[in-house]
Amino acid sequence: MGACNRGEAVQCLYTKTLDLLSRDDEDWAARLELLRPLAMVAGFQKTREGQRECAAYAANLAADDAPGALAACRRLIELDAELSGK
């Protein structure tokens, strides 16, 4: 999967997470690929709630909690939509 751009970073993070979790093997290189979109998302979060969700995503991913990581991603998508007025 290609690089993420800033405008679509939250959706890109979600898509890359789904891609990683759909694989049968433990792919640590793919986990490292999630750091760039996560850093982009965290960098433009202006609310504490957004920063908290980024931290929750990272913690859940590190703990192999796939449902928790995806839930944090979905909350970030919702926050992004609210802030952009969509």
N, C-alpha and C. Protein backbone atom coordinates (compact mmCIF):
# COMPACT_ATOMS: atom_id res chain seq x y z
N MET A 1 0.85 -1.18 0.00
CA MET A 1 0.00 0.00 0.00
C MET A 1 0.89 1.23 0.00
N GLY A 2 0.48 2.27 -0.71
CA GLY A 2 1.29 3.47 -0.88
C GLY A 2 1.33 4.36 0.34
N ALA A 3 2.01 5.47 0.17
CA ALA A 3 2.15 6.45 1.25
C ALA A 3 0.83 7.19 1.46
N CYS A 4 0.66 7.67 2.67
CA CYS A 4 -0.53 8.44 3.03
C CYS A 4 -0.26 9.92 2.84
N ASN A 5 -1.28 10.66 2.43
CA ASN A 5 -1.13 12.11 2.41
C ASN A 5 -1.87 12.69 3.61
N ARG A 6 -1.55 13.92 3.96
CA ARG A 6 -2.09 14.51 5.18
C ARG A 6 -3.61 14.58 5.18
N GLY A 7 -4.19 14.94 4.06
CA GLY A 7 -5.64 15.10 3.99
C GLY A 7 -6.43 13.82 4.24
N GLU A 8 -5.81 12.71 3.98
CA GLU A 8 -6.49 11.42 4.14
C GLU A 8 -5.79 10.54 5.17
N ALA A 9 -5.02 11.13 6.06
CA ALA A 9 -4.19 10.35 6.98
C ALA A 9 -5.01 9.45 7.90
N VAL A 10 -6.13 9.95 8.42
CA VAL A 10 -6.93 9.14 9.35
C VAL A 10 -7.51 7.92 8.62
N GLN A 11 -8.09 8.15 7.45
CA GLN A 11 -8.65 7.03 6.69
C GLN A 11 -7.54 6.08 6.24
N CYS A 12 -6.39 6.63 5.88
CA CYS A 12 -5.25 5.81 5.47
C CYS A 12 -4.78 4.93 6.63
N LEU A 13 -4.72 5.51 7.82
CA LEU A 13 -4.33 4.74 9.00
C LEU A 13 -5.29 3.58 9.22
N TYR A 14 -6.58 3.84 9.09
CA TYR A 14 -7.59 2.80 9.27
C TYR A 14 -7.42 1.70 8.22
N THR A 15 -7.25 2.10 6.96
CA THR A 15 -7.09 1.13 5.87
C THR A 15 -5.83 0.28 6.05
N LYS A 16 -4.73 0.93 6.41
CA LYS A 16 -3.48 0.19 6.62
C LYS A 16 -3.60 -0.75 7.83
N THR A 17 -4.35 -0.33 8.84
CA THR A 17 -4.56 -1.20 10.00
C THR A 17 -5.37 -2.42 9.60
N LEU A 18 -6.43 -2.22 8.85
CA LEU A 18 -7.23 -3.35 8.37
C LEU A 18 -6.37 -4.30 7.53
N ASP A 19 -5.53 -3.74 6.68
CA ASP A 19 -4.64 -4.56 5.85
C ASP A 19 -3.72 -5.40 6.72
N LEU A 20 -3.12 -4.79 7.71
CA LEU A 20 -2.22 -5.52 8.61
C LEU A 20 -2.95 -6.63 9.34
N LEU A 21 -4.13 -6.32 9.85
CA LEU A 21 -4.86 -7.29 10.65
C LEU A 21 -5.45 -8.42 9.82
N SER A 22 -5.54 -8.23 8.51
CA SER A 22 -6.08 -9.29 7.65
C SER A 22 -5.02 -10.33 7.29
N ARG A 23 -3.78 -10.05 7.61
CA ARG A 23 -2.69 -10.99 7.28
C ARG A 23 -2.64 -12.12 8.29
N ASP A 24 -2.26 -13.29 7.79
CA ASP A 24 -2.18 -14.46 8.66
C ASP A 24 -0.94 -14.48 9.53
N ASP A 25 0.14 -13.90 9.03
CA ASP A 25 1.40 -13.95 9.77
C ASP A 25 1.63 -12.65 10.54
N GLU A 26 2.48 -12.72 11.52
CA GLU A 26 2.87 -11.54 12.31
C GLU A 26 3.87 -10.75 11.49
N ASP A 27 3.49 -9.59 11.05
CA ASP A 27 4.32 -8.79 10.15
C ASP A 27 4.72 -7.49 10.85
N TRP A 28 5.88 -7.52 11.50
CA TRP A 28 6.34 -6.34 12.24
C TRP A 28 6.73 -5.21 11.31
N ALA A 29 7.20 -5.51 10.12
CA ALA A 29 7.53 -4.45 9.16
C ALA A 29 6.27 -3.66 8.81
N ALA A 30 5.15 -4.35 8.67
CA ALA A 30 3.89 -3.66 8.37
C ALA A 30 3.45 -2.79 9.54
N ARG A 31 3.72 -3.24 10.75
CA ARG A 31 3.39 -2.39 11.92
C ARG A 31 4.19 -1.11 11.88
N LEU A 32 5.45 -1.20 11.46
CA LEU A 32 6.28 0.00 11.37
C LEU A 32 5.73 0.96 10.32
N GLU A 33 5.10 0.43 9.27
CA GLU A 33 4.50 1.28 8.25
C GLU A 33 3.34 2.10 8.79
N LEU A 34 2.79 1.71 9.92
CA LEU A 34 1.69 2.45 10.53
C LEU A 34 2.17 3.68 11.29
N LEU A 35 3.46 3.75 11.58
CA LEU A 35 3.97 4.87 12.37
C LEU A 35 3.86 6.20 11.63
N ARG A 36 4.13 6.21 10.34
CA ARG A 36 4.05 7.48 9.59
C ARG A 36 2.63 8.04 9.57
N PRO A 37 1.62 7.24 9.17
CA PRO A 37 0.27 7.83 9.21
C PRO A 37 -0.18 8.17 10.63
N LEU A 38 0.23 7.38 11.63
CA LEU A 38 -0.12 7.70 13.01
C LEU A 38 0.52 9.02 13.42
N ALA A 39 1.78 9.22 13.06
CA ALA A 39 2.46 10.48 13.39
C ALA A 39 1.77 11.66 12.72
N MET A 40 1.34 11.48 11.47
CA MET A 40 0.61 12.55 10.77
C MET A 40 -0.69 12.88 11.48
N VAL A 41 -1.43 11.83 11.83
CA VAL A 41 -2.71 12.03 12.50
C VAL A 41 -2.49 12.71 13.85
N ALA A 42 -1.54 12.22 14.62
CA ALA A 42 -1.27 12.81 15.94
C ALA A 42 -0.81 14.26 15.80
N GLY A 43 -0.06 14.55 14.75
CA GLY A 43 0.47 15.89 14.56
C GLY A 43 -0.59 16.95 14.29
N PHE A 44 -1.70 16.56 13.67
CA PHE A 44 -2.71 17.58 13.41
C PHE A 44 -3.91 17.50 14.34
N GLN A 45 -3.84 16.64 15.36
CA GLN A 45 -4.91 16.60 16.36
C GLN A 45 -4.76 17.81 17.28
N LYS A 46 -5.78 18.62 17.36
CA LYS A 46 -5.73 19.82 18.19
C LYS A 46 -6.49 19.67 19.50
N THR A 47 -7.19 18.55 19.65
CA THR A 47 -7.96 18.36 20.87
C THR A 47 -7.32 17.27 21.73
N ARG A 48 -7.58 17.36 23.01
CA ARG A 48 -7.09 16.31 23.92
C ARG A 48 -7.71 14.97 23.57
N GLU A 49 -8.97 15.00 23.18
CA GLU A 49 -9.65 13.76 22.82
C GLU A 49 -8.95 13.10 21.63
N GLY A 50 -8.57 13.88 20.65
CA GLY A 50 -7.86 13.34 19.49
C GLY A 50 -6.51 12.77 19.87
N GLN A 51 -5.78 13.48 20.71
CA GLN A 51 -4.48 12.98 21.18
C GLN A 51 -4.66 11.70 21.98
N ARG A 52 -5.71 11.66 22.80
CA ARG A 52 -5.99 10.46 23.60
C ARG A 52 -6.28 9.26 22.70
N GLU A 53 -7.03 9.48 21.64
CA GLU A 53 -7.36 8.39 20.72
C GLU A 53 -6.12 7.90 19.98
N CYS A 54 -5.21 8.81 19.64
CA CYS A 54 -3.95 8.40 19.00
C CYS A 54 -3.15 7.52 19.96
N ALA A 55 -3.09 7.94 21.22
CA ALA A 55 -2.37 7.14 22.23
C ALA A 55 -3.05 5.79 22.44
N ALA A 56 -4.39 5.79 22.46
CA ALA A 56 -5.13 4.54 22.63
C ALA A 56 -4.87 3.61 21.45
N TYR A 57 -4.84 4.17 20.25
CA TYR A 57 -4.55 3.36 19.06
C TYR A 57 -3.19 2.69 19.20
N ALA A 58 -2.17 3.48 19.53
CA ALA A 58 -0.81 2.94 19.66
C ALA A 58 -0.73 1.88 20.75
N ALA A 59 -1.36 2.13 21.88
CA ALA A 59 -1.34 1.17 22.98
C ALA A 59 -2.05 -0.12 22.60
N ASN A 60 -3.18 0.00 21.96
CA ASN A 60 -3.92 -1.20 21.54
C ASN A 60 -3.16 -2.00 20.50
N LEU A 61 -2.54 -1.31 19.57
CA LEU A 61 -1.76 -2.00 18.55
C LEU A 61 -0.58 -2.74 19.18
N ALA A 62 0.09 -2.08 20.12
CA ALA A 62 1.23 -2.71 20.80
C ALA A 62 0.80 -3.92 21.63
N ALA A 63 -0.42 -3.87 22.14
CA ALA A 63 -0.94 -4.96 22.97
C ALA A 63 -1.63 -6.05 22.15
N ASP A 64 -1.53 -5.97 20.81
CA ASP A 64 -2.21 -6.92 19.92
C ASP A 64 -3.72 -6.92 20.11
N ASP A 65 -4.28 -5.77 20.47
CA ASP A 65 -5.72 -5.62 20.63
C ASP A 65 -6.28 -5.00 19.35
N ALA A 66 -6.53 -5.86 18.38
CA ALA A 66 -7.01 -5.39 17.08
C ALA A 66 -8.34 -4.65 17.18
N PRO A 67 -9.34 -5.19 17.90
CA PRO A 67 -10.60 -4.45 18.01
C PRO A 67 -10.42 -3.07 18.66
N GLY A 68 -9.55 -2.99 19.65
CA GLY A 68 -9.30 -1.71 20.32
C GLY A 68 -8.63 -0.71 19.39
N ALA A 69 -7.67 -1.18 18.60
CA ALA A 69 -6.98 -0.29 17.65
C ALA A 69 -7.95 0.22 16.59
N LEU A 70 -8.78 -0.67 16.07
CA LEU A 70 -9.76 -0.26 15.06
C LEU A 70 -10.80 0.69 15.64
N ALA A 71 -11.21 0.45 16.88
CA ALA A 71 -12.18 1.34 17.53
C ALA A 71 -11.59 2.74 17.70
N ALA A 72 -10.32 2.81 18.10
CA ALA A 72 -9.66 4.12 18.23
C ALA A 72 -9.58 4.81 16.87
N CYS A 73 -9.30 4.06 15.83
CA CYS A 73 -9.26 4.62 14.47
C CYS A 73 -10.63 5.17 14.07
N ARG A 74 -11.67 4.42 14.35
CA ARG A 74 -13.02 4.88 14.00
C ARG A 74 -13.36 6.16 14.76
N ARG A 75 -12.97 6.24 16.03
CA ARG A 75 -13.22 7.47 16.80
C ARG A 75 -12.44 8.64 16.21
N LEU A 76 -11.22 8.38 15.74
CA LEU A 76 -10.44 9.44 15.09
C LEU A 76 -11.11 9.90 13.80
N ILE A 77 -11.67 8.98 13.04
CA ILE A 77 -12.39 9.34 11.82
C ILE A 77 -13.60 10.20 12.16
N GLU A 78 -14.33 9.82 13.22
CA GLU A 78 -15.49 10.60 13.65
C GLU A 78 -15.07 12.00 14.09
N LEU A 79 -14.00 12.10 14.86
CA LEU A 79 -13.50 13.41 15.30
C LEU A 79 -13.09 14.26 14.11
N ASP A 80 -12.41 13.65 13.16
CA ASP A 80 -11.97 14.36 11.97
C ASP A 80 -13.17 14.90 11.19
N ALA A 81 -14.20 14.09 11.07
CA ALA A 81 -15.41 14.51 10.36
C ALA A 81 -16.11 15.65 11.10
N GLU A 82 -16.17 15.56 12.43
CA GLU A 82 -16.80 16.62 13.22
C GLU A 82 -16.04 17.94 13.07
N LEU A 83 -14.72 17.87 13.13
CA LEU A 83 -13.91 19.08 13.06
C LEU A 83 -13.92 19.70 11.67
N SER A 84 -14.09 18.88 10.65
CA SER A 84 -14.10 19.42 9.29
C SER A 84 -15.52 19.78 8.84
N GLY A 85 -16.49 19.53 9.71
CA GLY A 85 -17.87 19.91 9.40
C GLY A 85 -18.57 19.02 8.42
N LYS A 86 -18.11 17.79 8.28
CA LYS A 86 -18.74 16.85 7.33
C LYS A 86 -19.89 16.13 7.97
